[in-house]
C-alpha cells in the first residue's frame, strides 16, 4: 500500500517500529545510527576481543560452527573462518527476492547489532547503514533459509555484499558488489572474530516479511469492508444486520471494527432506503453479505495478534552466541523462527478466507437468479455479451491458489547440519507464500469492487456518498457498462487502484474508515 517516504529512521538500542521497517524497506527512507548504539556496540566488542585471547574455546570466536563447533581455530585462521562462513552460507538459489524484503532483512540485522548483544565492531554496523543509504541491495534467491539458525542464506548474501563480494542491484542495475561499493565510496569490511556468525543468525528475513504483510493487510482488510459494503448495496441487501447493538452481542473487536466501516460506507444509500421501504424480498441475505463483519473481523483480530508477535520480535536481540548484559558469551536457541513462522501462516489462512468470501459476493452479482433483477453476468446484452463472467473465473483461480497457499509451512521440518539442526521453522517459506497470498487477495478485492460498481450503476438507484466517490474513482480509469471490451486492462487498473490505496483514499474523502 502507498505511504509517503519518511524522514531518516534512527537505529538505536531499542526496537524499531513496524512503520520504521516499511519506511526503510519499501520507501527507502535513510537510516542513521544513534550514538547510544555506538556505545553499546563498542562495549560488546570489547567482550569478544577479550575472549579471543582466552585459551578456552568459545563458540564462534575460536571454534568452528554448527556440527563443527568442537574444532578449535587458531588465531591466524580466524579471519579466514569468518570469510569462509559467509561465502559458504551464501548459497541461495531460485528467483530473486524482492528488494524490499532484502532491505528489511539488512535493516533488522543492523537493528540487532545496535543492541550491543552481537559483539561486532562499529565499522560493521556503519557499513550496513551505508549500503542501505546508497540503495545497494544484495541479490538473494528464494531458496536457502529454513527459518532456523537464522535466515542463514539470505543473511549471508547480505554479509557477502558488505565484504565486497557477490552481486547486488543499484537503481535496478545488476552489478558486482565490489563495483557498487567502490562507486559509493564504501570500503569492504574484513570480518573479525564472531562477526560473520553475528551477521547470519537472526529471524530478520521472516520478520521483515511479517512487518510488510501486516502493513498491507491492515489496508486490504479495510478495502474488504469497503468492497463488501458496495456488494451489499449493489445486490439490494440490508444494512440492518450491521447494527452496533447486534455486533455487541458478540464482542470481538475486529468484528465491531468491520461492521462500523460497513455502516459508514452504506450511510445515505438510496438503494438501501428504497428496498427497505418496499420490503426486502429476502428474509436474510446470504452469508457472504450478512457475515462479512464476522469474517473480516476475525481476520483483523488475527492481524492484531501477529502485530503483537512482530513487536516482540522487533524488541529482540537475536544472535548465537549472544553477549549478555553482564558480559557473558552464551549459546542459546532464540534464532528459532517458530513464533514468526506461525504468525506468517496465520495471515495466509485469513487472506485466503477473506478472498474466498469476496469471490462469493462477486459470483452473486453474475447469477440472474440471485442478483435481484440485474442482467445475467452484468452483461450489456446477455447472450451477445458475457459481461464479467470470466472476471469471476480469474477470481476463482486466484482463490483456489490462496487456499493451497494457506497450508501452513510451519508444520514442516527437515533436519540439517548432520542432525545438529534437527528441527526448523520454515518461517522464510511461510513469508514468501504469504506475500503471494496478499497479492492475490488484492486482485480478488479489485475484481469485486469493479463488479460491485457495475452492479450499482446498472441498478440505477442512488448510491451512498461513499460508494459514489469510489465509483467515480474507478470510472476515471475504467469505463462503465456497455458492449464487451478487452477486460484485462480494466482489471489491471482496478488492481492498481486497490494496491496504491487510491480507492480507500476516495472512500476516506467522504467518511472515516479504519
Protein backbone atom coordinates (compact mmCIF):
# COMPACT_ATOMS: atom_id res chain seq x y z
CA UNK A 1 0.00 0.00 0.00
CA UNK A 2 1.22 3.53 -0.69
CA UNK A 3 2.73 5.59 2.09
CA UNK A 4 4.81 8.72 1.76
CA UNK A 5 8.57 8.23 2.28
CA UNK A 6 9.67 9.12 5.77
CA UNK A 7 12.48 11.19 7.23
CA UNK A 8 15.55 9.34 8.48
CA UNK A 9 14.95 6.34 10.73
CA UNK A 10 17.27 6.30 13.74
CA UNK A 11 18.67 2.91 14.75
CA UNK A 12 19.17 2.80 18.50
CA UNK A 13 19.49 0.19 21.22
CA UNK A 14 15.68 -0.02 21.43
CA UNK A 15 13.25 -1.59 18.97
CA UNK A 16 12.24 -0.29 15.59
CA UNK A 17 8.54 0.01 14.80
CA UNK A 18 6.73 -1.78 12.00
CA UNK A 19 6.32 1.62 10.39
CA UNK A 20 10.11 2.13 10.51
CA UNK A 21 10.70 -1.20 8.77
CA UNK A 22 8.27 -0.38 5.97
CA UNK A 23 9.66 3.14 5.57
CA UNK A 24 13.21 1.88 5.02
CA UNK A 25 12.42 -1.35 3.19
CA UNK A 26 9.74 -0.13 0.80
CA UNK A 27 10.15 3.63 0.62
CA UNK A 28 13.94 3.80 1.08
CA UNK A 29 13.93 6.20 4.00
CA UNK A 30 17.52 6.90 5.08
CA UNK A 31 18.88 5.39 8.28
CA UNK A 32 21.28 6.67 10.92
CA UNK A 33 22.89 5.12 13.98
CA UNK A 34 22.16 6.64 17.36
CA UNK A 35 25.26 7.48 19.46
CA UNK A 36 23.97 5.19 22.21
CA UNK A 37 24.08 2.33 19.72
CA UNK A 38 27.77 3.05 19.04
CA UNK A 39 28.46 2.84 22.75
CA UNK A 40 26.60 -0.48 23.11
CA UNK A 41 28.33 -1.97 20.07
CA UNK A 42 31.76 -0.88 21.32
CA UNK A 43 31.15 -2.34 24.77
CA UNK A 44 30.10 -5.76 23.49
CA UNK A 45 33.01 -5.85 21.05
CA UNK A 46 35.39 -5.46 23.99
CA UNK A 47 33.93 -8.68 25.44
CA UNK A 48 34.63 -10.58 22.21
CA UNK A 49 38.17 -9.28 21.91
CA UNK A 50 38.91 -10.35 25.45
CA UNK A 51 37.58 -13.84 24.73
CA UNK A 52 39.60 -14.08 21.53
CA UNK A 53 42.78 -14.28 23.63
CA UNK A 54 41.33 -16.87 26.04
CA UNK A 55 42.90 -20.34 25.90
CA UNK A 56 39.44 -21.86 26.44
CA UNK A 57 37.28 -22.38 23.31
CA UNK A 58 34.37 -20.00 22.73
CA UNK A 59 31.78 -20.83 20.09
CA UNK A 60 32.02 -18.66 17.01
CA UNK A 61 35.09 -16.86 18.34
CA UNK A 62 37.69 -19.60 18.44
CA UNK A 63 35.71 -22.63 17.19
CA UNK A 64 34.00 -23.85 14.05
CA UNK A 65 30.25 -23.69 13.57
CA UNK A 66 27.23 -25.97 13.87
CA UNK A 67 28.27 -29.60 13.81
CA UNK A 68 31.93 -28.41 13.62
CA UNK A 69 31.73 -26.46 16.88
CA UNK A 70 34.23 -28.77 18.58
CA UNK A 71 37.09 -27.78 16.27
CA UNK A 72 39.46 -25.15 17.72
CA UNK A 73 40.54 -22.43 15.28
CA UNK A 74 43.98 -20.87 15.67
CA UNK A 75 44.12 -17.03 15.83
CA UNK A 76 45.82 -16.70 12.44
CA UNK A 77 42.90 -18.58 10.78
CA UNK A 78 40.01 -16.67 12.32
CA UNK A 79 39.61 -14.02 9.64
CA UNK A 80 39.50 -16.82 7.09
CA UNK A 81 36.99 -18.65 9.31
CA UNK A 82 34.55 -15.72 9.19
CA UNK A 83 35.08 -15.16 5.47
CA UNK A 84 34.57 -18.85 4.73
CA UNK A 85 31.42 -18.94 6.84
CA UNK A 86 29.79 -16.13 4.87
CA UNK A 87 30.90 -17.40 1.48
CA UNK A 88 29.74 -20.95 2.11
CA UNK A 89 26.40 -19.89 3.57
CA UNK A 90 25.61 -17.51 0.70
CA UNK A 91 24.11 -20.49 -1.10
CA UNK A 92 20.64 -19.37 -2.12
CA UNK A 93 19.01 -20.38 -5.38
CA UNK A 94 15.91 -19.61 -7.38
CA UNK A 95 14.02 -16.46 -8.26
CA UNK A 96 15.40 -13.16 -6.99
CA UNK A 97 13.75 -11.92 -3.80
CA UNK A 98 12.06 -8.52 -3.91
CA UNK A 99 14.32 -5.65 -2.93
CA UNK A 100 12.01 -4.55 -0.11
CA UNK A 101 12.43 -7.93 1.60
CA UNK A 102 16.23 -7.79 1.31
CA UNK A 103 16.32 -4.22 2.60
CA UNK A 104 14.10 -5.17 5.55
CA UNK A 105 16.44 -8.09 6.26
CA UNK A 106 19.51 -5.83 6.30
CA UNK A 107 17.79 -3.19 8.42
CA UNK A 108 16.69 -5.69 11.06
CA UNK A 109 20.15 -7.24 11.29
CA UNK A 110 21.52 -3.72 11.74
CA UNK A 111 18.96 -3.11 14.48
CA UNK A 112 20.13 -6.21 16.33
CA UNK A 113 23.75 -5.08 16.02
CA UNK A 114 22.73 -1.76 17.58
CA UNK A 115 21.52 -3.52 20.74
CA UNK A 116 25.12 -4.32 21.61
CA UNK A 117 24.43 -8.00 22.05
CA UNK A 118 26.22 -9.36 18.96
CA UNK A 119 29.86 -8.36 19.53
CA UNK A 120 30.52 -6.84 16.10
CA UNK A 121 32.73 -3.78 15.63
CA UNK A 122 31.13 -0.39 14.92
CA UNK A 123 32.53 -0.46 11.37
CA UNK A 124 30.27 -3.40 10.52
CA UNK A 125 27.13 -1.55 11.58
CA UNK A 126 28.33 1.59 9.81
CA UNK A 127 28.78 -0.35 6.58
CA UNK A 128 25.29 -1.85 6.72
CA UNK A 129 24.00 1.69 7.24
CA UNK A 130 25.99 2.92 4.25
CA UNK A 131 24.70 0.16 1.94
CA UNK A 132 21.09 0.89 2.87
CA UNK A 133 21.52 4.60 2.32
CA UNK A 134 23.30 4.06 -1.01
CA UNK A 135 20.47 1.83 -2.25
CA UNK A 136 22.79 -1.16 -2.68
CA UNK A 137 20.64 -4.29 -2.45
CA UNK A 138 22.26 -7.75 -2.39
CA UNK A 139 20.87 -10.41 -4.72
CA UNK A 140 19.15 -13.16 -2.70
CA UNK A 141 17.47 -16.25 -4.17
CA UNK A 142 14.17 -17.57 -2.85
CA UNK A 143 15.58 -20.87 -1.53
CA UNK A 144 18.17 -21.18 1.23
CA UNK A 145 16.53 -20.41 4.56
CA UNK A 146 14.81 -22.99 6.74
CA UNK A 147 13.93 -20.39 9.35
CA UNK A 148 16.27 -21.74 11.99
CA UNK A 149 19.81 -20.79 13.00
CA UNK A 150 18.55 -17.61 11.41
CA UNK A 151 17.65 -16.88 7.80
CA UNK A 152 21.10 -18.19 7.03
CA UNK A 153 21.48 -17.96 3.26
CA UNK A 154 19.63 -14.63 2.82
CA UNK A 155 21.60 -13.02 5.63
CA UNK A 156 24.85 -14.47 4.29
CA UNK A 157 24.23 -12.86 0.89
CA UNK A 158 23.81 -9.53 2.69
CA UNK A 159 27.04 -10.06 4.61
CA UNK A 160 28.81 -11.09 1.42
CA UNK A 161 27.94 -7.73 -0.16
CA UNK A 162 29.35 -5.94 2.90
CA UNK A 163 32.57 -7.86 2.24
CA UNK A 164 32.51 -6.53 -1.34
CA UNK A 165 31.65 -9.88 -2.87
CA UNK A 166 28.66 -11.33 -4.74
CA UNK A 167 26.12 -9.43 -6.81
CA UNK A 168 23.85 -6.51 -5.95
CA UNK A 169 21.33 -4.19 -7.57
CA UNK A 170 21.62 -0.42 -7.60
CA UNK A 171 18.70 1.50 -9.14
CA UNK A 172 17.66 -1.76 -10.79
CA UNK A 173 21.04 -2.42 -12.38
CA UNK A 174 22.82 -5.71 -11.64
CA UNK A 175 26.42 -5.07 -10.53
CA UNK A 176 29.25 -6.86 -8.74
CA UNK A 177 29.21 -5.77 -5.11
CA UNK A 178 32.84 -4.66 -5.38
CA UNK A 179 31.96 -2.18 -8.14
CA UNK A 180 28.85 -0.90 -6.36
CA UNK A 181 30.73 -0.30 -3.11
CA UNK A 182 33.59 1.40 -4.93
CA UNK A 183 31.19 3.72 -6.77
CA UNK A 184 29.51 4.63 -3.47
CA UNK A 185 32.82 5.22 -1.71
CA UNK A 186 32.23 2.35 0.74
CA UNK A 187 35.20 0.28 1.92
CA UNK A 188 34.51 -3.50 2.07
CA UNK A 189 34.70 -4.96 5.56
CA UNK A 190 37.19 -7.64 6.58
CA UNK A 191 35.28 -9.63 9.21
CA UNK A 192 36.95 -10.42 12.54
CA UNK A 193 36.14 -12.94 15.28
CA UNK A 194 32.43 -13.78 15.57
CA UNK A 195 31.34 -11.13 13.09
CA UNK A 196 30.42 -13.49 10.26
CA UNK A 197 28.35 -15.55 12.65
CA UNK A 198 26.66 -12.43 14.07
CA UNK A 199 25.60 -11.35 10.59
CA UNK A 200 23.74 -14.55 9.66
CA UNK A 201 21.97 -15.60 12.88
CA UNK A 202 18.54 -14.00 13.01
CA UNK A 203 14.88 -14.07 12.03
CA UNK A 204 15.32 -10.85 10.07
CA UNK A 205 14.00 -12.03 6.71
CA UNK A 206 10.92 -13.60 8.25
CA UNK A 207 10.32 -10.58 10.46
CA UNK A 208 10.75 -8.17 7.57
CA UNK A 209 8.13 -10.05 5.56
CA UNK A 210 5.80 -10.11 8.57
CA UNK A 211 6.13 -6.35 9.06
CA UNK A 212 5.38 -5.68 5.40
CA UNK A 213 2.46 -8.12 5.41
CA UNK A 214 0.84 -6.60 8.49
CA UNK A 215 1.01 -3.17 6.88
CA UNK A 216 -0.53 -4.43 3.64
CA UNK A 217 -3.27 -6.44 5.32
CA UNK A 218 -4.35 -3.58 7.54
CA UNK A 219 -5.16 -1.63 4.36
CA UNK A 220 -6.61 -4.61 2.48
CA UNK A 221 -8.99 -5.56 5.28
CA UNK A 222 -10.43 -2.04 5.25
CA UNK A 223 -10.67 -2.40 1.47
CA UNK A 224 -12.52 -5.69 2.01
CA UNK A 225 -15.04 -3.90 4.25
CA UNK A 226 -15.48 -1.31 1.52
CA UNK A 227 -15.94 -3.95 -1.18
CA UNK A 228 -18.44 -5.93 0.91
CA UNK A 229 -20.49 -2.82 1.59
CA UNK A 230 -20.64 -1.94 -2.11
CA UNK A 231 -21.73 -5.51 -2.85
CA UNK A 232 -24.49 -5.30 -0.25
CA UNK A 233 -25.67 -2.10 -1.92
CA UNK A 234 -25.40 -3.42 -5.46
CA UNK A 235 -27.29 -6.60 -4.55
CA UNK A 236 -30.05 -4.63 -2.79
CA UNK A 237 -29.24 -6.21 0.54
CA UNK A 238 -29.92 -4.94 4.02
CA UNK A 239 -27.66 -2.99 6.33
CA UNK A 240 -29.71 -3.78 9.44
CA UNK A 241 -27.53 -6.80 10.29
CA UNK A 242 -24.53 -4.49 10.76
CA UNK A 243 -26.20 -2.54 13.57
CA UNK A 244 -23.91 -1.76 16.50
CA UNK A 245 -26.12 -3.40 19.13
CA UNK A 246 -26.11 -6.67 17.17
CA UNK A 247 -22.30 -6.62 17.00
CA UNK A 248 -22.07 -6.04 20.75
CA UNK A 249 -23.78 -9.36 21.33
CA UNK A 250 -20.53 -10.98 20.15
CA UNK A 251 -17.86 -8.58 21.35
CA UNK A 252 -14.91 -9.41 19.14
CA UNK A 253 -13.15 -6.09 18.48
CA UNK A 254 -12.36 -6.83 14.84
CA UNK A 255 -15.98 -7.65 14.09
CA UNK A 256 -17.16 -4.36 15.61
CA UNK A 257 -14.49 -2.53 13.61
CA UNK A 258 -15.52 -4.06 10.27
CA UNK A 259 -19.24 -3.58 10.91
CA UNK A 260 -18.63 0.09 11.73
CA UNK A 261 -16.78 0.50 8.45
CA UNK A 262 -19.64 -1.09 6.53
CA UNK A 263 -22.23 1.08 8.24
CA UNK A 264 -20.18 4.16 7.35
CA UNK A 265 -19.97 3.15 3.69
CA UNK A 266 -23.69 2.38 3.40
CA UNK A 267 -24.88 5.51 5.22
CA UNK A 268 -27.15 7.55 2.99
CA UNK A 269 -27.64 4.84 0.38
CA UNK A 270 -30.70 5.47 -1.73
CA UNK A 271 -30.66 1.84 -2.81
CA UNK A 272 -30.78 0.55 0.75
CA UNK A 273 -33.52 3.04 1.66
CA UNK A 274 -35.63 2.21 -1.40
CA UNK A 275 -35.57 -1.51 -0.83
CA UNK A 276 -36.11 -1.15 2.90
CA UNK A 277 -39.25 0.93 2.33
CA UNK A 278 -40.54 -1.51 -0.26
CA UNK A 279 -39.82 -4.51 1.92
CA UNK A 280 -36.84 -6.76 1.29
CA UNK A 281 -37.54 -9.67 -0.99
CA UNK A 282 -35.18 -11.86 1.06
CA UNK A 283 -35.77 -12.65 4.70
CA UNK A 284 -31.99 -12.81 5.16
CA UNK A 285 -29.05 -12.08 2.91
CA UNK A 286 -26.57 -14.80 2.06
CA UNK A 287 -23.70 -15.41 4.45
CA UNK A 288 -21.13 -13.76 2.16
CA UNK A 289 -23.05 -10.49 2.68
CA UNK A 290 -24.52 -10.87 6.14
CA UNK A 291 -21.45 -12.37 7.82
CA UNK A 292 -18.79 -10.12 6.28
CA UNK A 293 -18.00 -8.37 9.60
CA UNK A 294 -17.59 -11.71 11.34
CA UNK A 295 -15.06 -12.99 8.78
CA UNK A 296 -13.27 -9.71 8.16
CA UNK A 297 -13.27 -9.04 11.90
CA UNK A 298 -11.69 -12.40 12.69
CA UNK A 299 -9.03 -11.57 10.12
CA UNK A 300 -8.46 -8.21 11.82
CA UNK A 301 -8.07 -9.86 15.20
CA UNK A 302 -5.54 -12.27 13.70
CA UNK A 303 -3.57 -9.34 12.28
CA UNK A 304 -3.67 -7.76 15.74
CA UNK A 305 -2.20 -10.94 17.25
CA UNK A 306 0.56 -11.09 14.66
CA UNK A 307 1.30 -7.41 15.28
CA UNK A 308 1.96 -8.28 18.91
CA UNK A 309 4.32 -11.05 17.78
CA UNK A 310 6.11 -8.68 15.42
CA UNK A 311 6.55 -6.03 18.11
CA UNK A 312 8.05 -8.59 20.49
CA UNK A 313 10.41 -9.79 17.78
CA UNK A 314 11.38 -6.22 16.90
CA UNK A 315 12.34 -5.78 20.56
CA UNK A 316 14.52 -8.90 20.48
CA UNK A 317 18.29 -9.23 20.17
CA UNK A 318 18.75 -12.48 18.26
CA UNK A 319 22.20 -13.97 17.82
CA UNK A 320 24.02 -17.15 18.78
CA UNK A 321 26.11 -16.93 20.80
CA UNK A 322 24.95 -13.67 22.35
CA UNK A 323 26.78 -11.20 24.56
CA UNK A 324 24.68 -10.87 27.71
CA UNK A 325 24.17 -7.66 29.66
CA UNK A 326 26.68 -8.82 32.28
CA UNK A 327 29.33 -9.60 29.64
CA UNK A 328 28.98 -13.37 29.22
CA UNK A 329 29.04 -15.06 25.81
CA UNK A 330 26.25 -17.64 25.83
CA UNK A 331 24.80 -20.05 23.30
CA UNK A 332 21.01 -20.05 23.01
CA UNK A 333 18.10 -21.02 20.77
CA UNK A 334 16.50 -17.62 20.22
CA UNK A 335 17.13 -17.81 16.49
CA UNK A 336 14.39 -20.42 16.03
CA UNK A 337 11.70 -18.91 13.80
CA UNK A 338 8.62 -20.66 15.21
CA UNK A 339 6.94 -17.54 16.67
CA UNK A 340 7.29 -15.64 13.41
CA UNK A 341 6.57 -18.65 11.21
CA UNK A 342 3.28 -19.35 12.96
CA UNK A 343 2.24 -15.70 12.60
CA UNK A 344 3.01 -15.72 8.88
CA UNK A 345 0.97 -18.88 8.41
CA UNK A 346 -1.98 -17.46 10.35
CA UNK A 347 -2.06 -14.49 7.98
CA UNK A 348 -2.05 -16.73 4.90
CA UNK A 349 -5.11 -18.50 6.30
CA UNK A 350 -7.09 -15.31 6.83
CA UNK A 351 -6.01 -13.91 3.44
CA UNK A 352 -7.44 -16.98 1.76
CA UNK A 353 -10.71 -16.83 3.67
CA UNK A 354 -11.34 -13.12 3.11
CA UNK A 355 -10.64 -13.64 -0.61
CA UNK A 356 -12.96 -16.65 -0.68
CA UNK A 357 -15.84 -14.61 0.73
CA UNK A 358 -15.13 -11.78 -1.73
CA UNK A 359 -15.33 -14.17 -4.67
CA UNK A 360 -18.70 -15.49 -3.44
CA UNK A 361 -20.12 -11.97 -3.35
CA UNK A 362 -18.88 -11.35 -6.88
CA UNK A 363 -20.47 -14.57 -8.09
CA UNK A 364 -23.87 -13.47 -6.72
CA UNK A 365 -23.80 -10.40 -8.97
CA UNK A 366 -23.42 -12.58 -12.06
CA UNK A 367 -26.27 -15.03 -11.44
CA UNK A 368 -29.62 -13.57 -12.55
CA UNK A 369 -31.38 -15.91 -10.11
CA UNK A 370 -29.58 -14.31 -7.17
CA UNK A 371 -28.66 -10.75 -8.13
CA UNK A 372 -32.01 -9.08 -7.53
CA UNK A 373 -33.07 -8.29 -11.08
CA UNK A 374 -29.78 -7.36 -12.74
CA UNK A 375 -28.68 -8.66 -16.13
CA UNK A 376 -27.05 -12.08 -16.20
CA UNK A 377 -23.28 -11.67 -15.71
CA UNK A 378 -23.91 -7.90 -15.63
CA UNK A 379 -23.70 -8.07 -19.42
CA UNK A 380 -24.84 -5.15 -21.55
CA UNK A 381 -26.71 -7.54 -23.84
CA UNK A 382 -26.75 -11.01 -22.24
CA UNK A 383 -26.07 -13.71 -24.79
CA UNK A 384 -24.27 -11.37 -27.13
CA UNK A 385 -22.11 -10.06 -24.27
CA UNK A 386 -20.50 -12.05 -21.43
CA UNK A 387 -20.05 -9.14 -19.04
CA UNK A 388 -17.96 -10.08 -16.01
CA UNK A 389 -18.33 -13.84 -16.43
CA UNK A 390 -14.63 -14.53 -16.90
CA UNK A 391 -13.51 -11.91 -14.39
CA UNK A 392 -15.09 -14.21 -11.79
CA UNK A 393 -13.16 -17.14 -13.30
CA UNK A 394 -9.99 -15.16 -12.66
CA UNK A 395 -11.08 -14.58 -9.07
CA UNK A 396 -11.87 -18.26 -8.66
CA UNK A 397 -8.44 -19.28 -9.94
CA UNK A 398 -6.73 -16.92 -7.51
CA UNK A 399 -8.88 -18.04 -4.57
CA UNK A 400 -8.13 -21.67 -5.32
CA UNK A 401 -4.41 -20.90 -5.23
CA UNK A 402 -4.79 -18.96 -1.97
CA UNK A 403 -6.39 -21.99 -0.39
CA UNK A 404 -3.33 -24.05 -1.36
CA UNK A 405 -1.02 -21.33 -0.03
CA UNK A 406 -2.94 -21.39 3.26
CA UNK A 407 -1.48 -24.82 4.05
CA UNK A 408 0.98 -23.94 6.83
CA UNK A 409 4.69 -24.10 6.16
CA UNK A 410 5.47 -24.14 9.87
CA UNK A 411 4.16 -27.67 10.42
CA UNK A 412 7.03 -28.95 8.29
CA UNK A 413 10.59 -29.55 9.41
CA UNK A 414 13.61 -31.15 7.80
CA UNK A 415 16.89 -31.93 9.62
CA UNK A 416 20.18 -30.36 8.52
CA UNK A 417 23.81 -29.91 9.58
CA UNK A 418 24.47 -33.56 10.42
CA UNK A 419 21.38 -33.61 12.70
CA UNK A 420 22.65 -30.70 14.81
CA UNK A 421 19.85 -28.56 13.41
CA UNK A 422 17.21 -31.25 13.63
CA UNK A 423 14.08 -29.08 13.88
CA UNK A 424 13.48 -25.95 11.79
CA UNK A 425 10.59 -23.48 11.46
CA UNK A 426 10.28 -23.00 7.67
CA UNK A 427 9.30 -19.42 8.51
CA UNK A 428 11.07 -17.98 5.46
CA UNK A 429 8.90 -20.18 3.22
CA UNK A 430 5.82 -19.08 5.17
CA UNK A 431 6.75 -15.47 4.48
CA UNK A 432 7.26 -15.98 0.75
CA UNK A 433 3.93 -17.71 0.25
CA UNK A 434 2.17 -15.06 2.36
CA UNK A 435 3.47 -12.36 0.04
CA UNK A 436 1.91 -14.17 -2.91
CA UNK A 437 -1.32 -14.59 -0.91
CA UNK A 438 -1.53 -10.86 -0.19
CA UNK A 439 -1.02 -10.03 -3.85
CA UNK A 440 -3.81 -12.48 -4.73
CA UNK A 441 -6.17 -11.03 -2.13
CA UNK A 442 -5.67 -7.53 -3.55
CA UNK A 443 -6.60 -8.82 -7.03
CA UNK A 444 -9.71 -10.61 -5.80
CA UNK A 445 -10.92 -7.50 -3.98
CA UNK A 446 -10.20 -5.37 -7.05
CA UNK A 447 -12.45 -7.57 -9.18
CA UNK A 448 -15.20 -7.45 -6.55
CA UNK A 449 -15.05 -3.65 -6.46
CA UNK A 450 -15.10 -3.46 -10.25
CA UNK A 451 -18.13 -5.76 -10.33
CA UNK A 452 -19.97 -4.06 -7.47
CA UNK A 453 -19.52 -0.65 -9.10
CA UNK A 454 -21.01 -2.00 -12.31
CA UNK A 455 -23.89 -3.62 -10.44
CA UNK A 456 -24.74 -0.43 -8.54
CA UNK A 457 -24.76 1.57 -11.76
CA UNK A 458 -26.90 -1.00 -13.58
CA UNK A 459 -29.41 -0.95 -10.73
CA UNK A 460 -29.86 2.75 -11.44
CA UNK A 461 -30.63 3.84 -7.88
CA UNK A 462 -28.86 6.45 -5.78
CA UNK A 463 -25.69 5.03 -4.19
CA UNK A 464 -24.34 6.15 -0.86
CA UNK A 465 -21.96 9.12 -0.93
CA UNK A 466 -19.01 6.81 -0.19
CA UNK A 467 -20.00 4.37 -2.94
CA UNK A 468 -20.41 7.26 -5.37
CA UNK A 469 -16.90 8.54 -4.58
CA UNK A 470 -15.39 5.07 -5.05
CA UNK A 471 -17.25 4.52 -8.32
CA UNK A 472 -16.12 7.93 -9.58
CA UNK A 473 -12.52 6.94 -8.80
CA UNK A 474 -12.91 3.69 -10.72
CA UNK A 475 -14.54 5.49 -13.66
CA UNK A 476 -11.52 7.73 -14.02
CA UNK A 477 -9.67 4.61 -15.16
CA UNK A 478 -12.35 2.13 -16.25
CA UNK A 479 -15.42 2.87 -18.42
CA UNK A 480 -18.89 1.84 -17.25
CA UNK A 481 -21.16 -0.90 -18.55
CA UNK A 482 -21.60 -1.33 -22.29
CA UNK A 483 -20.72 -3.80 -25.03
CA UNK A 484 -17.96 -6.24 -24.14
CA UNK A 485 -14.42 -4.94 -24.44
CA UNK A 486 -10.91 -6.17 -23.65
CA UNK A 487 -11.34 -6.83 -19.91
CA UNK A 488 -7.79 -7.46 -18.66
CA UNK A 489 -6.83 -3.74 -18.70
CA UNK A 490 -9.94 -2.91 -16.65
CA UNK A 491 -8.92 -5.50 -14.06
CA UNK A 492 -5.32 -4.26 -14.06
CA UNK A 493 -6.50 -0.68 -13.48
CA UNK A 494 -8.71 -1.76 -10.57
CA UNK A 495 -5.84 -3.76 -9.05
CA UNK A 496 -3.59 -0.70 -9.21
CA UNK A 497 -6.29 1.42 -7.56
CA UNK A 498 -6.54 -1.10 -4.72
CA UNK A 499 -2.81 -1.68 -4.25
CA UNK A 500 -1.98 2.03 -4.36
CA UNK A 501 -4.67 2.83 -1.79
CA UNK A 502 -6.47 5.17 -4.21
CA UNK A 503 -9.90 3.60 -3.66
CA UNK A 504 -9.50 3.78 0.11
CA UNK A 505 -8.49 7.41 -0.26
CA UNK A 506 -11.63 8.09 -2.30
CA UNK A 507 -13.79 6.50 0.40
CA UNK A 508 -11.96 8.36 3.16
CA UNK A 509 -12.58 11.65 1.39
CA UNK A 510 -16.21 11.17 2.43
CA UNK A 511 -16.08 9.27 5.73
CA UNK A 512 -13.67 7.85 8.30
CA UNK A 513 -12.69 4.25 7.61
CA UNK A 514 -10.17 2.40 9.76
